[in-house]
Amino acid sequence: MSNIDTLIDEVYLKLKCSDYIIDHCKVVYERSKDITKFYDNVDLDLIKAGCMLHDVGRTITNGIEHAYLGADLLRDLEVDEKICLITERHIGAGITPDEAKALGLPDRNYIPETIEEKIVAHSDNLVHGVTKIDLDFVIEKWNNKNMKQESIDMLIKLHEELLGD
């Protein structure tokens, strides 16, 4: 078992992650491979850890706050800050400062910046529960949730940046 796998198992145990959270994270990790296959300059262990731990905040809430709460849980467990930032920045294609303020989120950067942060965020976008989905499905889902056009535009831009479609 690798150090990454040991870390993931320890976090799951300490935070009492449900089977559903774990199963979702496994599918997000599998989805990430559909993106990382186009890259040879990414940290695959970091992406695996980010995918597998991005939703640990759902042990507290299923609201949008799960991202920063999950990052804080990981920080409390002294998990590498790079993994914490992936967790904090994985919502959609990122949350702008104005939107974060309107949502009552703490004053932090919620926009994925590194290639690994972007890959994990978008891999999560392309999974619904435990099912892989495509960009059109995500856009329709976000439209049905009355998401702001700015968020949908950010999603499309991230998709094009990572996959070129």
C-alpha atoms as a PDB file:
ATOM      1  CA  MET A   1       0.000   0.000   0.000  1.00  0.00           C
ATOM      2  CA  SER A   2       1.390   3.416  -0.943  1.00  0.00           C
ATOM      3  CA  ASN A   3       1.729   6.377   1.401  1.00  0.00           C
ATOM      4  CA  ILE A   4      -1.151   8.060  -0.451  1.00  0.00           C
ATOM      5  CA  ASP A   5      -3.425   5.038   0.039  1.00  0.00           C
ATOM      6  CA  THR A   6      -2.484   4.869   3.727  1.00  0.00           C
ATOM      7  CA  LEU A   7      -3.242   8.593   4.137  1.00  0.00           C
ATOM      8  CA  ILE A   8      -6.619   8.220   2.423  1.00  0.00           C
ATOM      9  CA  ASP A   9      -7.588   5.222   4.556  1.00  0.00           C
ATOM     10  CA  GLU A  10      -6.518   6.992   7.766  1.00  0.00           C
ATOM     11  CA  VAL A  11      -8.524  10.115   6.911  1.00  0.00           C
ATOM     12  CA  TYR A  12     -11.614   8.069   6.011  1.00  0.00           C
ATOM     13  CA  LEU A  13     -11.359   6.226   9.322  1.00  0.00           C
ATOM     14  CA  LYS A  14     -10.720   9.321  11.469  1.00  0.00           C
ATOM     15  CA  LEU A  15     -13.532  11.322   9.849  1.00  0.00           C
ATOM     16  CA  LYS A  16     -15.932   8.364   9.656  1.00  0.00           C
ATOM     17  CA  CYS A  17     -16.608   8.905   5.949  1.00  0.00           C
ATOM     18  CA  SER A  18     -19.679   7.090   4.663  1.00  0.00           C
ATOM     19  CA  ASP A  19     -19.518   4.447   1.963  1.00  0.00           C
ATOM     20  CA  TYR A  20     -21.353   6.858  -0.331  1.00  0.00           C
ATOM     21  CA  ILE A  21     -18.694   9.587   0.071  1.00  0.00           C
ATOM     22  CA  ILE A  22     -15.958   7.015  -0.546  1.00  0.00           C
ATOM     23  CA  ASP A  23     -17.730   5.531  -3.582  1.00  0.00           C
ATOM     24  CA  HIS A  24     -18.302   8.997  -5.065  1.00  0.00           C
ATOM     25  CA  CYS A  25     -14.641   9.900  -4.542  1.00  0.00           C
ATOM     26  CA  LYS A  26     -13.531   6.663  -6.232  1.00  0.00           C
ATOM     27  CA  VAL A  27     -15.583   7.528  -9.324  1.00  0.00           C
ATOM     28  CA  VAL A  28     -14.174  11.084  -9.335  1.00  0.00           C
ATOM     29  CA  TYR A  29     -10.681   9.563  -9.215  1.00  0.00           C
ATOM     30  CA  GLU A  30     -11.538   7.249 -12.128  1.00  0.00           C
ATOM     31  CA  ARG A  31     -12.937  10.259 -14.018  1.00  0.00           C
ATOM     32  CA  SER A  32      -9.698  12.169 -13.411  1.00  0.00           C
ATOM     33  CA  LYS A  33      -7.862   9.519 -15.424  1.00  0.00           C
ATOM     34  CA  ASP A  34      -9.938  10.560 -18.456  1.00  0.00           C
ATOM     35  CA  ILE A  35      -8.287  13.980 -18.141  1.00  0.00           C
ATOM     36  CA  THR A  36      -4.795  13.150 -16.863  1.00  0.00           C
ATOM     37  CA  LYS A  37      -4.135  10.819 -19.793  1.00  0.00           C
ATOM     38  CA  PHE A  38      -3.579  13.984 -21.852  1.00  0.00           C
ATOM     39  CA  TYR A  39      -0.903  15.310 -19.464  1.00  0.00           C
ATOM     40  CA  ASP A  40       2.587  14.130 -18.602  1.00  0.00           C
ATOM     41  CA  ASN A  41       3.472  17.006 -16.275  1.00  0.00           C
ATOM     42  CA  VAL A  42       0.981  16.518 -13.443  1.00  0.00           C
ATOM     43  CA  ASP A  43       1.391  15.086  -9.953  1.00  0.00           C
ATOM     44  CA  LEU A  44      -0.704  11.921 -10.190  1.00  0.00           C
ATOM     45  CA  ASP A  45      -0.376  11.148  -6.461  1.00  0.00           C
ATOM     46  CA  LEU A  46      -1.636  14.624  -5.605  1.00  0.00           C
ATOM     47  CA  ILE A  47      -4.560  14.213  -7.997  1.00  0.00           C
ATOM     48  CA  LYS A  48      -5.402  10.819  -6.480  1.00  0.00           C
ATOM     49  CA  ALA A  49      -5.291  12.221  -2.939  1.00  0.00           C
ATOM     50  CA  GLY A  50      -7.305  15.273  -4.008  1.00  0.00           C
ATOM     51  CA  CYS A  51      -9.974  13.175  -5.716  1.00  0.00           C
ATOM     52  CA  MET A  52     -10.220  10.717  -2.874  1.00  0.00           C
ATOM     53  CA  LEU A  53     -10.413  13.403  -0.154  1.00  0.00           C
ATOM     54  CA  HIS A  54     -12.195  16.311  -1.863  1.00  0.00           C
ATOM     55  CA  ASP A  55     -15.578  15.595  -0.248  1.00  0.00           C
ATOM     56  CA  VAL A  56     -14.584  14.802   3.354  1.00  0.00           C
ATOM     57  CA  GLY A  57     -16.444  17.964   4.410  1.00  0.00           C
ATOM     58  CA  ARG A  58     -19.653  16.115   3.552  1.00  0.00           C
ATOM     59  CA  THR A  59     -19.204  14.350   6.886  1.00  0.00           C
ATOM     60  CA  ILE A  60     -20.391  17.708   8.313  1.00  0.00           C
ATOM     61  CA  THR A  61     -22.710  19.151   5.652  1.00  0.00           C
ATOM     62  CA  ASN A  62     -23.843  18.607   2.085  1.00  0.00           C
ATOM     63  CA  GLY A  63     -24.031  22.360   1.563  1.00  0.00           C
ATOM     64  CA  ILE A  64     -21.504  24.362  -0.416  1.00  0.00           C
ATOM     65  CA  GLU A  65     -19.639  24.920   2.862  1.00  0.00           C
ATOM     66  CA  HIS A  66     -18.395  21.321   2.686  1.00  0.00           C
ATOM     67  CA  ALA A  67     -15.439  22.504   0.611  1.00  0.00           C
ATOM     68  CA  TYR A  68     -13.841  24.847   3.123  1.00  0.00           C
ATOM     69  CA  LEU A  69     -14.970  22.729   6.092  1.00  0.00           C
ATOM     70  CA  GLY A  70     -13.375  19.673   4.501  1.00  0.00           C
ATOM     71  CA  ALA A  71     -10.165  21.605   3.898  1.00  0.00           C
ATOM     72  CA  ASP A  72     -10.150  22.656   7.547  1.00  0.00           C
ATOM     73  CA  LEU A  73     -10.720  19.050   8.688  1.00  0.00           C
ATOM     74  CA  LEU A  74      -7.744  17.989   6.598  1.00  0.00           C
ATOM     75  CA  ARG A  75      -5.644  20.825   8.014  1.00  0.00           C
ATOM     76  CA  ASP A  76      -6.557  19.662  11.527  1.00  0.00           C
ATOM     77  CA  LEU A  77      -5.215  16.224  10.552  1.00  0.00           C
ATOM     78  CA  GLU A  78      -2.032  17.893   9.233  1.00  0.00           C
ATOM     79  CA  VAL A  79      -2.647  16.764   5.660  1.00  0.00           C
ATOM     80  CA  ASP A  80      -0.439  18.401   3.012  1.00  0.00           C
ATOM     81  CA  GLU A  81      -1.695  21.918   2.241  1.00  0.00           C
ATOM     82  CA  LYS A  82      -1.804  21.132  -1.496  1.00  0.00           C
ATOM     83  CA  ILE A  83      -4.507  18.533  -0.798  1.00  0.00           C
ATOM     84  CA  CYS A  84      -6.329  20.971   1.498  1.00  0.00           C
ATOM     85  CA  LEU A  85      -6.390  23.585  -1.264  1.00  0.00           C
ATOM     86  CA  ILE A  86      -7.761  21.068  -3.769  1.00  0.00           C
ATOM     87  CA  THR A  87     -10.563  20.335  -1.301  1.00  0.00           C
ATOM     88  CA  GLU A  88     -11.226  24.027  -0.679  1.00  0.00           C
ATOM     89  CA  ARG A  89     -11.286  24.929  -4.381  1.00  0.00           C
ATOM     90  CA  HIS A  90     -13.128  21.981  -5.932  1.00  0.00           C
ATOM     91  CA  ILE A  91     -16.638  23.483  -6.145  1.00  0.00           C
ATOM     92  CA  GLY A  92     -17.764  23.790  -9.760  1.00  0.00           C
ATOM     93  CA  ALA A  93     -15.159  25.658 -11.754  1.00  0.00           C
ATOM     94  CA  GLY A  94     -14.452  27.823  -8.734  1.00  0.00           C
ATOM     95  CA  ILE A  95     -16.342  30.433  -6.774  1.00  0.00           C
ATOM     96  CA  THR A  96     -15.571  34.087  -7.433  1.00  0.00           C
ATOM     97  CA  PRO A  97     -14.844  36.365  -4.460  1.00  0.00           C
ATOM     98  CA  ASP A  98     -18.145  38.233  -4.967  1.00  0.00           C
ATOM     99  CA  GLU A  99     -20.120  34.988  -5.123  1.00  0.00           C
ATOM    100  CA  ALA A 100     -18.310  33.609  -2.048  1.00  0.00           C
ATOM    101  CA  LYS A 101     -19.201  36.763  -0.134  1.00  0.00           C
ATOM    102  CA  ALA A 102     -22.840  36.539  -1.256  1.00  0.00           C
ATOM    103  CA  LEU A 103     -22.922  32.890  -0.124  1.00  0.00           C
ATOM    104  CA  GLY A 104     -21.522  33.828   3.284  1.00  0.00           C
ATOM    105  CA  LEU A 105     -18.341  31.814   2.822  1.00  0.00           C
ATOM    106  CA  PRO A 106     -15.140  32.764   4.647  1.00  0.00           C
ATOM    107  CA  ASP A 107     -12.851  35.169   2.792  1.00  0.00           C
ATOM    108  CA  ARG A 108     -10.659  32.658   0.931  1.00  0.00           C
ATOM    109  CA  ASN A 109      -9.640  31.883  -2.636  1.00  0.00           C
ATOM    110  CA  TYR A 110     -12.096  29.345  -4.068  1.00  0.00           C
ATOM    111  CA  ILE A 111     -10.787  29.401  -7.644  1.00  0.00           C
ATOM    112  CA  PRO A 112      -8.708  26.360  -8.666  1.00  0.00           C
ATOM    113  CA  GLU A 113      -5.269  27.568  -9.723  1.00  0.00           C
ATOM    114  CA  THR A 114      -2.902  24.627 -10.209  1.00  0.00           C
ATOM    115  CA  ILE A 115      -3.428  22.050 -12.909  1.00  0.00           C
ATOM    116  CA  GLU A 116      -4.069  19.452 -10.201  1.00  0.00           C
ATOM    117  CA  GLU A 117      -6.727  21.636  -8.540  1.00  0.00           C
ATOM    118  CA  LYS A 118      -8.398  22.162 -11.907  1.00  0.00           C
ATOM    119  CA  ILE A 119      -8.351  18.469 -12.804  1.00  0.00           C
ATOM    120  CA  VAL A 120      -9.918  17.411  -9.486  1.00  0.00           C
ATOM    121  CA  ALA A 121     -12.570  20.144  -9.645  1.00  0.00           C
ATOM    122  CA  HIS A 122     -13.543  19.248 -13.188  1.00  0.00           C
ATOM    123  CA  SER A 123     -13.434  15.514 -12.566  1.00  0.00           C
ATOM    124  CA  ASP A 124     -15.943  16.132  -9.768  1.00  0.00           C
ATOM    125  CA  ASN A 125     -18.066  18.222 -12.164  1.00  0.00           C
ATOM    126  CA  LEU A 126     -18.169  15.266 -14.547  1.00  0.00           C
ATOM    127  CA  VAL A 127     -19.556  12.876 -11.929  1.00  0.00           C
ATOM    128  CA  HIS A 128     -23.148  12.873 -10.694  1.00  0.00           C
ATOM    129  CA  GLY A 129     -23.335  10.780  -7.537  1.00  0.00           C
ATOM    130  CA  VAL A 130     -21.450   7.687  -8.649  1.00  0.00           C
ATOM    131  CA  THR A 131     -22.116   8.067 -12.385  1.00  0.00           C
ATOM    132  CA  LYS A 132     -19.782   9.584 -14.971  1.00  0.00           C
ATOM    133  CA  ILE A 133     -21.554  12.296 -16.971  1.00  0.00           C
ATOM    134  CA  ASP A 134     -20.663  14.669 -19.802  1.00  0.00           C
ATOM    135  CA  LEU A 135     -20.448  18.448 -20.023  1.00  0.00           C
ATOM    136  CA  ASP A 136     -23.925  18.811 -21.558  1.00  0.00           C
ATOM    137  CA  PHE A 137     -25.444  16.993 -18.574  1.00  0.00           C
ATOM    138  CA  VAL A 138     -23.642  19.337 -16.162  1.00  0.00           C
ATOM    139  CA  ILE A 139     -24.768  22.451 -18.046  1.00  0.00           C
ATOM    140  CA  GLU A 140     -28.379  21.243 -18.062  1.00  0.00           C
ATOM    141  CA  LYS A 141     -28.183  20.387 -14.344  1.00  0.00           C
ATOM    142  CA  TRP A 142     -26.726  23.811 -13.521  1.00  0.00           C
ATOM    143  CA  ASN A 143     -29.362  25.566 -15.654  1.00  0.00           C
ATOM    144  CA  ASN A 144     -32.075  23.624 -13.801  1.00  0.00           C
ATOM    145  CA  LYS A 145     -30.563  24.820 -10.503  1.00  0.00           C
ATOM    146  CA  ASN A 146     -30.645  28.421 -11.816  1.00  0.00           C
ATOM    147  CA  MET A 147     -26.873  28.720 -11.539  1.00  0.00           C
ATOM    148  CA  LYS A 148     -25.482  32.052 -12.665  1.00  0.00           C
ATOM    149  CA  GLN A 149     -24.378  32.238 -16.284  1.00  0.00           C
ATOM    150  CA  GLU A 150     -20.961  33.345 -15.029  1.00  0.00           C
ATOM    151  CA  SER A 151     -20.566  29.968 -13.278  1.00  0.00           C
ATOM    152  CA  ILE A 152     -21.606  28.060 -16.400  1.00  0.00           C
ATOM    153  CA  ASP A 153     -19.173  30.113 -18.488  1.00  0.00           C
ATOM    154  CA  MET A 154     -16.403  29.291 -16.004  1.00  0.00           C
ATOM    155  CA  LEU A 155     -17.320  25.590 -16.271  1.00  0.00           C
ATOM    156  CA  ILE A 156     -17.125  25.646 -20.066  1.00  0.00           C
ATOM    157  CA  LYS A 157     -13.834  27.558 -19.983  1.00  0.00           C
ATOM    158  CA  LEU A 158     -12.335  25.018 -17.545  1.00  0.00           C
ATOM    159  CA  HIS A 159     -13.535  22.125 -19.709  1.00  0.00           C
ATOM    160  CA  GLU A 160     -11.985  23.683 -22.813  1.00  0.00           C
ATOM    161  CA  GLU A 161      -8.738  24.433 -20.956  1.00  0.00           C
ATOM    162  CA  LEU A 162      -8.367  20.850 -19.741  1.00  0.00           C
ATOM    163  CA  LEU A 163      -9.819  18.863 -22.618  1.00  0.00           C
ATOM    164  CA  GLY A 164      -9.733  21.259 -25.558  1.00  0.00           C
ATOM    165  CA  ASP A 165     -13.338  20.525 -26.606  1.00  0.00           C
END
